[in-house]
PDB file of N, CA and C in Angstrom:
ATOM      1  N   GLY A   1      32.009 -23.213 128.653  1.00  0.00           N
ATOM      2  CA  GLY A   1      33.054 -23.009 127.691  1.00  0.00           C
ATOM      3  C   GLY A   1      32.765 -23.660 126.358  1.00  0.00           C
ATOM      4  N   GLN A   2      31.524 -24.121 126.122  1.00  0.00           N
ATOM      5  CA  GLN A   2      31.186 -24.748 124.846  1.00  0.00           C
ATOM      6  C   GLN A   2      30.058 -23.975 124.182  1.00  0.00           C
ATOM      7  N   GLY A   3      29.972 -24.058 122.864  1.00  0.00           N
ATOM      8  CA  GLY A   3      28.886 -23.431 122.126  1.00  0.00           C
ATOM      9  C   GLY A   3      27.655 -24.315 122.139  1.00  0.00           C
ATOM     10  N   VAL A   4      26.479 -23.692 122.288  1.00  0.00           N
ATOM     11  CA  VAL A   4      25.225 -24.456 122.321  1.00  0.00           C
ATOM     12  C   VAL A   4      24.182 -23.765 121.454  1.00  0.00           C
ATOM     13  N   ILE A   5      23.584 -24.521 120.555  1.00  0.00           N
ATOM     14  CA  ILE A   5      22.423 -24.083 119.795  1.00  0.00           C
ATOM     15  C   ILE A   5      21.285 -25.022 120.174  1.00  0.00           C
ATOM     16  N   ALA A   6      20.144 -24.446 120.571  1.00  0.00           N
ATOM     17  CA  ALA A   6      19.006 -25.260 121.005  1.00  0.00           C
ATOM     18  C   ALA A   6      17.800 -25.002 120.114  1.00  0.00           C
ATOM     19  N   SER A   7      17.091 -26.074 119.769  1.00  0.00           N
ATOM     20  CA  SER A   7      15.823 -25.920 119.048  1.00  0.00           C
ATOM     21  C   SER A   7      14.715 -25.833 120.091  1.00  0.00           C
ATOM     22  N   VAL A   8      13.872 -24.821 119.949  1.00  0.00           N
ATOM     23  CA  VAL A   8      12.843 -24.520 120.935  1.00  0.00           C
ATOM     24  C   VAL A   8      11.510 -24.243 120.233  1.00  0.00           C
ATOM     25  N   ASN A   9      10.456 -24.178 121.015  1.00  0.00           N
ATOM     26  CA  ASN A   9       9.178 -23.707 120.492  1.00  0.00           C
ATOM     27  C   ASN A   9       9.130 -22.206 120.747  1.00  0.00           C
ATOM     28  N   ALA A  10       9.100 -21.410 119.685  1.00  0.00           N
ATOM     29  CA  ALA A  10       9.142 -19.955 119.797  1.00  0.00           C
ATOM     30  C   ALA A  10       7.950 -19.406 120.571  1.00  0.00           C
ATOM     31  N   GLY A  11       6.781 -19.983 120.395  1.00  0.00           N
ATOM     32  CA  GLY A  11       5.592 -19.492 121.090  1.00  0.00           C
ATOM     33  C   GLY A  11       5.734 -19.574 122.596  1.00  0.00           C
ATOM     34  N   ILE A  12       6.323 -20.654 123.076  1.00  0.00           N
ATOM     35  CA  ILE A  12       6.534 -20.808 124.514  1.00  0.00           C
ATOM     36  C   ILE A  12       7.638 -19.861 124.980  1.00  0.00           C
ATOM     37  N   LEU A  13       8.716 -19.813 124.244  1.00  0.00           N
ATOM     38  CA  LEU A  13       9.837 -18.969 124.642  1.00  0.00           C
ATOM     39  C   LEU A  13       9.451 -17.494 124.659  1.00  0.00           C
ATOM     40  N   TRP A  14       8.656 -17.070 123.677  1.00  0.00           N
ATOM     41  CA  TRP A  14       8.259 -15.665 123.562  1.00  0.00           C
ATOM     42  C   TRP A  14       6.943 -15.367 124.262  1.00  0.00           C
ATOM     43  N   ASN A  15       6.300 -16.406 124.820  1.00  0.00           N
ATOM     44  CA  ASN A  15       4.988 -16.245 125.458  1.00  0.00           C
ATOM     45  C   ASN A  15       4.004 -15.609 124.467  1.00  0.00           C
ATOM     46  N   ASP A  16       3.958 -16.166 123.245  1.00  0.00           N
ATOM     47  CA  ASP A  16       3.135 -15.623 122.171  1.00  0.00           C
ATOM     48  C   ASP A  16       2.490 -16.782 121.405  1.00  0.00           C
ATOM     49  N   ALA A  17       1.188 -16.964 121.593  1.00  0.00           N
ATOM     50  CA  ALA A  17       0.456 -18.074 120.989  1.00  0.00           C
ATOM     51  C   ALA A  17       0.530 -18.071 119.461  1.00  0.00           C
ATOM     52  N   ALA A  18       0.764 -16.933 118.862  1.00  0.00           N
ATOM     53  CA  ALA A  18       0.844 -16.845 117.396  1.00  0.00           C
ATOM     54  C   ALA A  18       2.006 -17.670 116.841  1.00  0.00           C
ATOM     55  N   TYR A  19       2.995 -17.976 117.674  1.00  0.00           N
ATOM     56  CA  TYR A  19       4.169 -18.721 117.229  1.00  0.00           C
ATOM     57  C   TYR A  19       4.239 -20.122 117.823  1.00  0.00           C
ATOM     58  N   TYR A  20       3.155 -20.574 118.414  1.00  0.00           N
ATOM     59  CA  TYR A  20       3.134 -21.897 119.042  1.00  0.00           C
ATOM     60  C   TYR A  20       3.111 -23.015 117.999  1.00  0.00           C
ATOM     61  N   ASP A  21       2.460 -22.786 116.857  1.00  0.00           N
ATOM     62  CA  ASP A  21       2.296 -23.796 115.803  1.00  0.00           C
ATOM     63  C   ASP A  21       1.695 -25.070 116.401  1.00  0.00           C
ATOM     64  N   ASN A  22       2.346 -26.208 116.209  1.00  0.00           N
ATOM     65  CA  ASN A  22       1.824 -27.484 116.718  1.00  0.00           C
ATOM     66  C   ASN A  22       2.474 -27.886 118.039  1.00  0.00           C
ATOM     67  N   GLY A  23       3.239 -26.980 118.650  1.00  0.00           N
ATOM     68  CA  GLY A  23       3.871 -27.256 119.937  1.00  0.00           C
ATOM     69  C   GLY A  23       5.227 -27.912 119.848  1.00  0.00           C
ATOM     70  N   GLN A  24       5.664 -28.202 118.639  1.00  0.00           N
ATOM     71  CA  GLN A  24       6.982 -28.817 118.429  1.00  0.00           C
ATOM     72  C   GLN A  24       8.045 -27.721 118.303  1.00  0.00           C
ATOM     73  N   PRO A  25       9.310 -28.093 118.347  1.00  0.00           N
ATOM     74  CA  PRO A  25      10.366 -27.102 118.119  1.00  0.00           C
ATOM     75  C   PRO A  25      10.212 -26.466 116.735  1.00  0.00           C
ATOM     76  N   ASN A  26      10.329 -25.138 116.680  1.00  0.00           N
ATOM     77  CA  ASN A  26      10.157 -24.431 115.411  1.00  0.00           C
ATOM     78  C   ASN A  26      11.109 -23.241 115.279  1.00  0.00           C
ATOM     79  N   HIS A  27      12.123 -23.186 116.128  1.00  0.00           N
ATOM     80  CA  HIS A  27      13.031 -22.040 116.146  1.00  0.00           C
ATOM     81  C   HIS A  27      14.344 -22.473 116.808  1.00  0.00           C
ATOM     82  N   ALA A  28      15.431 -21.825 116.462  1.00  0.00           N
ATOM     83  CA  ALA A  28      16.731 -22.127 117.075  1.00  0.00           C
ATOM     84  C   ALA A  28      17.280 -20.879 117.745  1.00  0.00           C
ATOM     85  N   ILE A  29      17.896 -21.074 118.898  1.00  0.00           N
ATOM     86  CA  ILE A  29      18.523 -19.981 119.642  1.00  0.00           C
ATOM     87  C   ILE A  29      19.934 -20.413 120.059  1.00  0.00           C
ATOM     88  N   VAL A  30      20.764 -19.433 120.383  1.00  0.00           N
ATOM     89  CA  VAL A  30      22.110 -19.711 120.864  1.00  0.00           C
ATOM     90  C   VAL A  30      22.130 -19.460 122.374  1.00  0.00           C
ATOM     91  N   VAL A  31      22.536 -20.465 123.120  1.00  0.00           N
ATOM     92  CA  VAL A  31      22.665 -20.318 124.570  1.00  0.00           C
ATOM     93  C   VAL A  31      24.059 -19.758 124.850  1.00  0.00           C
ATOM     94  N   THR A  32      24.100 -18.611 125.542  1.00  0.00           N
ATOM     95  CA  THR A  32      25.389 -17.956 125.780  1.00  0.00           C
ATOM     96  C   THR A  32      25.861 -18.055 127.224  1.00  0.00           C
ATOM     97  N   GLY A  33      24.980 -18.478 128.127  1.00  0.00           N
ATOM     98  CA  GLY A  33      25.398 -18.586 129.521  1.00  0.00           C
ATOM     99  C   GLY A  33      24.318 -19.203 130.377  1.00  0.00           C
ATOM    100  N   VAL A  34      24.699 -19.566 131.589  1.00  0.00           N
ATOM    101  CA  VAL A  34      23.781 -20.151 132.554  1.00  0.00           C
ATOM    102  C   VAL A  34      23.918 -19.390 133.862  1.00  0.00           C
ATOM    103  N   SER A  35      22.796 -19.196 134.553  1.00  0.00           N
ATOM    104  CA  SER A  35      22.807 -18.545 135.855  1.00  0.00           C
ATOM    105  C   SER A  35      22.480 -19.586 136.919  1.00  0.00           C
ATOM    106  N   ARG A  36      23.338 -19.674 137.929  1.00  0.00           N
ATOM    107  CA  ARG A  36      23.145 -20.638 139.019  1.00  0.00           C
ATOM    108  C   ARG A  36      23.039 -19.904 140.348  1.00  0.00           C
ATOM    109  N   ASP A  37      22.261 -20.477 141.248  1.00  0.00           N
ATOM    110  CA  ASP A  37      22.176 -19.957 142.601  1.00  0.00           C
ATOM    111  C   ASP A  37      23.556 -20.124 143.241  1.00  0.00           C
ATOM    112  N   PRO A  38      24.130 -19.053 143.797  1.00  0.00           N
ATOM    113  CA  PRO A  38      25.486 -19.147 144.337  1.00  0.00           C
ATOM    114  C   PRO A  38      25.607 -20.066 145.561  1.00  0.00           C
ATOM    115  N   HIS A  39      24.503 -20.331 146.235  1.00  0.00           N
ATOM    116  CA  HIS A  39      24.551 -21.155 147.437  1.00  0.00           C
ATOM    117  C   HIS A  39      24.258 -22.623 147.161  1.00  0.00           C
ATOM    118  N   THR A  40      23.303 -22.883 146.270  1.00  0.00           N
ATOM    119  CA  THR A  40      22.890 -24.268 146.018  1.00  0.00           C
ATOM    120  C   THR A  40      23.423 -24.830 144.711  1.00  0.00           C
ATOM    121  N   GLY A  41      23.771 -23.958 143.783  1.00  0.00           N
ATOM    122  CA  GLY A  41      24.201 -24.407 142.465  1.00  0.00           C
ATOM    123  C   GLY A  41      23.051 -24.721 141.531  1.00  0.00           C
ATOM    124  N   ASP A  42      21.802 -24.566 142.021  1.00  0.00           N
ATOM    125  CA  ASP A  42      20.632 -24.830 141.173  1.00  0.00           C
ATOM    126  C   ASP A  42      20.609 -23.863 139.995  1.00  0.00           C
ATOM    127  N   ILE A  43      20.200 -24.361 138.838  1.00  0.00           N
ATOM    128  CA  ILE A  43      20.094 -23.515 137.650  1.00  0.00           C
ATOM    129  C   ILE A  43      18.888 -22.603 137.798  1.00  0.00           C
ATOM    130  N   GLN A  44      19.129 -21.294 137.637  1.00  0.00           N
ATOM    131  CA  GLN A  44      18.062 -20.300 137.707  1.00  0.00           C
ATOM    132  C   GLN A  44      17.530 -19.943 136.333  1.00  0.00           C
ATOM    133  N   GLY A  45      18.371 -20.016 135.330  1.00  0.00           N
ATOM    134  CA  GLY A  45      17.960 -19.679 133.980  1.00  0.00           C
ATOM    135  C   GLY A  45      19.140 -19.639 133.036  1.00  0.00           C
ATOM    136  N   PHE A  46      18.852 -19.200 131.820  1.00  0.00           N
ATOM    137  CA  PHE A  46      19.857 -19.186 130.763  1.00  0.00           C
ATOM    138  C   PHE A  46      19.863 -17.842 130.060  1.00  0.00           C
ATOM    139  N   TYR A  47      21.022 -17.468 129.565  1.00  0.00           N
ATOM    140  CA  TYR A  47      21.155 -16.280 128.722  1.00  0.00           C
ATOM    141  C   TYR A  47      21.223 -16.765 127.281  1.00  0.00           C
ATOM    142  N   ILE A  48      20.460 -16.092 126.422  1.00  0.00           N
ATOM    143  CA  ILE A  48      20.379 -16.539 125.033  1.00  0.00           C
ATOM    144  C   ILE A  48      20.534 -15.367 124.071  1.00  0.00           C
ATOM    145  N   ASN A  49      20.936 -15.692 122.856  1.00  0.00           N
ATOM    146  CA  ASN A  49      20.856 -14.784 121.712  1.00  0.00           C
ATOM    147  C   ASN A  49      19.764 -15.343 120.821  1.00  0.00           C
ATOM    148  N   ASP A  50      18.818 -14.488 120.444  1.00  0.00           N
ATOM    149  CA  ASP A  50      17.636 -14.931 119.710  1.00  0.00           C
ATOM    150  C   ASP A  50      17.456 -14.097 118.448  1.00  0.00           C
ATOM    151  N   SER A  51      17.730 -14.703 117.301  1.00  0.00           N
ATOM    152  CA  SER A  51      17.594 -13.985 116.031  1.00  0.00           C
ATOM    153  C   SER A  51      16.140 -13.656 115.707  1.00  0.00           C
ATOM    154  N   GLY A  52      15.200 -14.383 116.291  1.00  0.00           N
ATOM    155  CA  GLY A  52      13.782 -14.122 116.031  1.00  0.00           C
ATOM    156  C   GLY A  52      13.290 -12.833 116.649  1.00  0.00           C
ATOM    157  N   THR A  53      13.850 -12.458 117.790  1.00  0.00           N
ATOM    158  CA  THR A  53      13.456 -11.212 118.456  1.00  0.00           C
ATOM    159  C   THR A  53      14.513 -10.132 118.277  1.00  0.00           C
ATOM    160  N   GLY A  54      15.717 -10.538 117.882  1.00  0.00           N
ATOM    161  CA  GLY A  54      16.820  -9.594 117.766  1.00  0.00           C
ATOM    162  C   GLY A  54      17.486  -9.316 119.100  1.00  0.00           C
ATOM    163  N   ASN A  55      17.058 -10.011 120.146  1.00  0.00           N
ATOM    164  CA  ASN A  55      17.631  -9.796 121.479  1.00  0.00           C
ATOM    165  C   ASN A  55      18.887 -10.631 121.670  1.00  0.00           C
ATOM    166  N   SER A  56      19.882 -10.018 122.299  1.00  0.00           N
ATOM    167  CA  SER A  56      21.073 -10.770 122.687  1.00  0.00           C
ATOM    168  C   SER A  56      21.269 -10.597 124.181  1.00  0.00           C
ATOM    169  N   GLY A  57      21.793 -11.637 124.815  1.00  0.00           N
ATOM    170  CA  GLY A  57      21.992 -11.590 126.252  1.00  0.00           C
ATOM    171  C   GLY A  57      20.692 -11.612 127.034  1.00  0.00           C
ATOM    172  N   GLU A  58      19.630 -12.128 126.414  1.00  0.00           N
ATOM    173  CA  GLU A  58      18.312 -12.174 127.067  1.00  0.00           C
ATOM    174  C   GLU A  58      18.283 -13.295 128.105  1.00  0.00           C
ATOM    175  N   PHE A  59      17.724 -13.008 129.288  1.00  0.00           N
ATOM    176  CA  PHE A  59      17.606 -14.006 130.344  1.00  0.00           C
ATOM    177  C   PHE A  59      16.263 -14.718 130.238  1.00  0.00           C
ATOM    178  N   VAL A  60      16.300 -16.053 130.257  1.00  0.00           N
ATOM    179  CA  VAL A  60      15.088 -16.871 130.247  1.00  0.00           C
ATOM    180  C   VAL A  60      15.130 -17.755 131.485  1.00  0.00           C
ATOM    181  N   GLU A  61      14.084 -17.687 132.297  1.00  0.00           N
ATOM    182  CA  GLU A  61      14.043 -18.501 133.514  1.00  0.00           C
ATOM    183  C   GLU A  61      14.071 -19.979 133.158  1.00  0.00           C
ATOM    184  N   ALA A  62      14.650 -20.774 134.067  1.00  0.00           N
ATOM    185  CA  ALA A  62      14.870 -22.200 133.828  1.00  0.00           C
ATOM    186  C   ALA A  62      13.580 -22.941 133.486  1.00  0.00           C
ATOM    187  N   ALA A  63      12.491 -22.675 134.202  1.00  0.00           N
ATOM    188  CA  ALA A  63      11.236 -23.391 133.960  1.00  0.00           C
ATOM    189  C   ALA A  63      10.689 -23.100 132.562  1.00  0.00           C
ATOM    190  N   GLN A  64      10.743 -21.841 132.135  1.00  0.00           N
ATOM    191  CA  GLN A  64      10.261 -21.480 130.800  1.00  0.00           C
ATOM    192  C   GLN A  64      11.147 -22.096 129.729  1.00  0.00           C
ATOM    193  N   PHE A  65      12.454 -22.095 129.950  1.00  0.00           N
ATOM    194  CA  PHE A  65      13.378 -22.694 128.985  1.00  0.00           C
ATOM    195  C   PHE A  65      13.108 -24.191 128.867  1.00  0.00           C
ATOM    196  N   GLN A  66      12.937 -24.860 129.990  1.00  0.00           N
ATOM    197  CA  GLN A  66      12.681 -26.306 129.973  1.00  0.00           C
ATOM    198  C   GLN A  66      11.396 -26.620 129.220  1.00  0.00           C
ATOM    199  N   THR A  67      10.355 -25.838 129.455  1.00  0.00           N
ATOM    200  CA  THR A  67       9.084 -26.069 128.768  1.00  0.00           C
ATOM    201  C   THR A  67       9.224 -25.845 127.268  1.00  0.00           C
ATOM    202  N   GLY A  68       9.908 -24.781 126.870  1.00  0.00           N
ATOM    203  CA  GLY A  68      10.052 -24.445 125.454  1.00  0.00           C
ATOM    204  C   GLY A  68      11.066 -25.273 124.709  1.00  0.00           C
ATOM    205  N   TRP A  69      11.953 -25.929 125.432  1.00  0.00           N
ATOM    206  CA  TRP A  69      13.006 -26.717 124.786  1.00  0.00           C
ATOM    207  C   TRP A  69      12.794 -28.204 125.028  1.00  0.00           C
ATOM    208  N   LEU A  70      13.030 -28.664 126.214  1.00  0.00           N
ATOM    209  CA  LEU A  70      13.045 -30.085 126.515  1.00  0.00           C
ATOM    210  C   LEU A  70      11.666 -30.726 126.390  1.00  0.00           C
ATOM    211  N   GLU A  71      10.654 -30.063 126.927  1.00  0.00           N
ATOM    212  CA  GLU A  71       9.316 -30.661 126.937  1.00  0.00           C
ATOM    213  C   GLU A  71       8.628 -30.642 125.574  1.00  0.00           C
ATOM    214  N   THR A  72       9.171 -29.894 124.609  1.00  0.00           N
ATOM    215  CA  THR A  72       8.614 -29.909 123.254  1.00  0.00           C
ATOM    216  C   THR A  72       9.376 -30.868 122.349  1.00  0.00           C
ATOM    217  N   GLY A  73      10.380 -31.536 122.908  1.00  0.00           N
ATOM    218  CA  GLY A  73      11.166 -32.469 122.111  1.00  0.00           C
ATOM    219  C   GLY A  73      12.340 -31.817 121.424  1.00  0.00           C
ATOM    220  N   GLY A  74      12.693 -30.617 121.865  1.00  0.00           N
ATOM    221  CA  GLY A  74      13.798 -29.891 121.261  1.00  0.00           C
ATOM    222  C   GLY A  74      15.125 -30.600 121.457  1.00  0.00           C
ATOM    223  N   LEU A  75      16.005 -30.333 120.560  1.00  0.00           N
ATOM    224  CA  LEU A  75      17.353 -30.896 120.609  1.00  0.00           C
ATOM    225  C   LEU A  75      18.349 -29.764 120.794  1.00  0.00           C
ATOM    226  N   SER A  76      19.593 -30.116 121.012  1.00  0.00           N
ATOM    227  CA  SER A  76      20.632 -29.095 121.068  1.00  0.00           C
ATOM    228  C   SER A  76      21.897 -29.642 120.435  1.00  0.00           C
ATOM    229  N   GLY A  77      22.649 -28.727 119.882  1.00  0.00           N
ATOM    230  CA  GLY A  77      23.963 -29.051 119.363  1.00  0.00           C
ATOM    231  C   GLY A  77      24.996 -28.383 120.249  1.00  0.00           C
ATOM    232  N   VAL A  78      25.995 -29.148 120.679  1.00  0.00           N
ATOM    233  CA  VAL A  78      27.015 -28.641 121.587  1.00  0.00           C
ATOM    234  C   VAL A  78      28.382 -28.898 120.973  1.00  0.00           C
ATOM    235  N   THR A  79      29.217 -27.869 120.960  1.00  0.00           N
ATOM    236  CA  THR A  79      30.560 -28.048 120.411  1.00  0.00           C
ATOM    237  C   THR A  79      31.399 -28.917 121.335  1.00  0.00           C
ATOM    238  N   ASP A  80      32.402 -29.550 120.768  1.00  0.00           N
ATOM    239  CA  ASP A  80      33.304 -30.379 121.555  1.00  0.00           C
ATOM    240  C   ASP A  80      34.197 -29.534 122.467  1.00  0.00           C
ATOM    241  N   ALA A  81      34.661 -28.414 121.956  1.00  0.00           N
ATOM    242  CA  ALA A  81      35.583 -27.583 122.732  1.00  0.00           C
ATOM    243  C   ALA A  81      35.439 -26.141 122.320  1.00  0.00           C
ATOM    244  N   MET A  82      35.843 -25.279 123.209  1.00  0.00           N
ATOM    245  CA  MET A  82      35.807 -23.858 122.949  1.00  0.00           C
ATOM    246  C   MET A  82      36.978 -23.480 122.064  1.00  0.00           C
ATOM    247  N   ARG A  83      36.771 -22.538 121.148  1.00  0.00           N
ATOM    248  CA  ARG A  83      37.846 -22.055 120.299  1.00  0.00           C
ATOM    249  C   ARG A  83      38.829 -21.266 121.153  1.00  0.00           C
ATOM    250  N   PRO A  84      40.103 -21.544 121.032  1.00  0.00           N
ATOM    251  CA  PRO A  84      41.075 -20.816 121.854  1.00  0.00           C
ATOM    252  C   PRO A  84      41.116 -19.330 121.475  1.00  0.00           C
ATOM    253  N   ALA A  85      41.366 -18.499 122.460  1.00  0.00           N
ATOM    254  CA  ALA A  85      41.483 -17.065 122.217  1.00  0.00           C
ATOM    255  C   ALA A  85      42.723 -16.805 121.372  1.00  0.00           C
ATOM    256  N   VAL A  86      42.625 -15.819 120.508  1.00  0.00           N
ATOM    257  CA  VAL A  86      43.767 -15.434 119.672  1.00  0.00           C
ATOM    258  C   VAL A  86      44.037 -13.956 119.854  1.00  0.00           C
ATOM    259  N   ASP A  87      45.258 -13.566 119.670  1.00  0.00           N
ATOM    260  CA  ASP A  87      45.612 -12.147 119.705  1.00  0.00           C
ATOM    261  C   ASP A  87      45.447 -11.581 118.310  1.00  0.00           C
ATOM    262  N   GLY A  88      44.797 -10.455 118.221  1.00  0.00           N
ATOM    263  CA  GLY A  88      44.648  -9.785 116.935  1.00  0.00           C
ATOM    264  C   GLY A  88      43.463 -10.328 116.165  1.00  0.00           C
ATOM    265  N   PRO A  89      43.312  -9.876 114.930  1.00  0.00           N
ATOM    266  CA  PRO A  89      42.177 -10.300 114.091  1.00  0.00           C
ATOM    267  C   PRO A  89      42.218 -11.798 113.807  1.00  0.00           C
ATOM    268  N   ALA A  90      41.043 -12.386 113.739  1.00  0.00           N
ATOM    269  CA  ALA A  90      40.953 -13.834 113.455  1.00  0.00           C
ATOM    270  C   ALA A  90      40.975 -14.082 111.977  1.00  0.00           C
TER     271      ALA A  90
END
């Protein structure tokens, strides 16, 4: 229920050496959801919106996300609370 923007290494996330640069975070994505195993609760992966590829709702497996985000020193910004739903135009 919170907004998340994560800094990642685009080369790792896209599996494209041309965007690896020096291996540090070089791109930002919006995390829109998480997929968990229904029996164990283990994280299977994340759904993201990526302005670099133009893809929305893209699934990234947990191991690839961890390598491209956490292991490259990436950071994330997380909102304090979700914006309440409103009726009609915002």
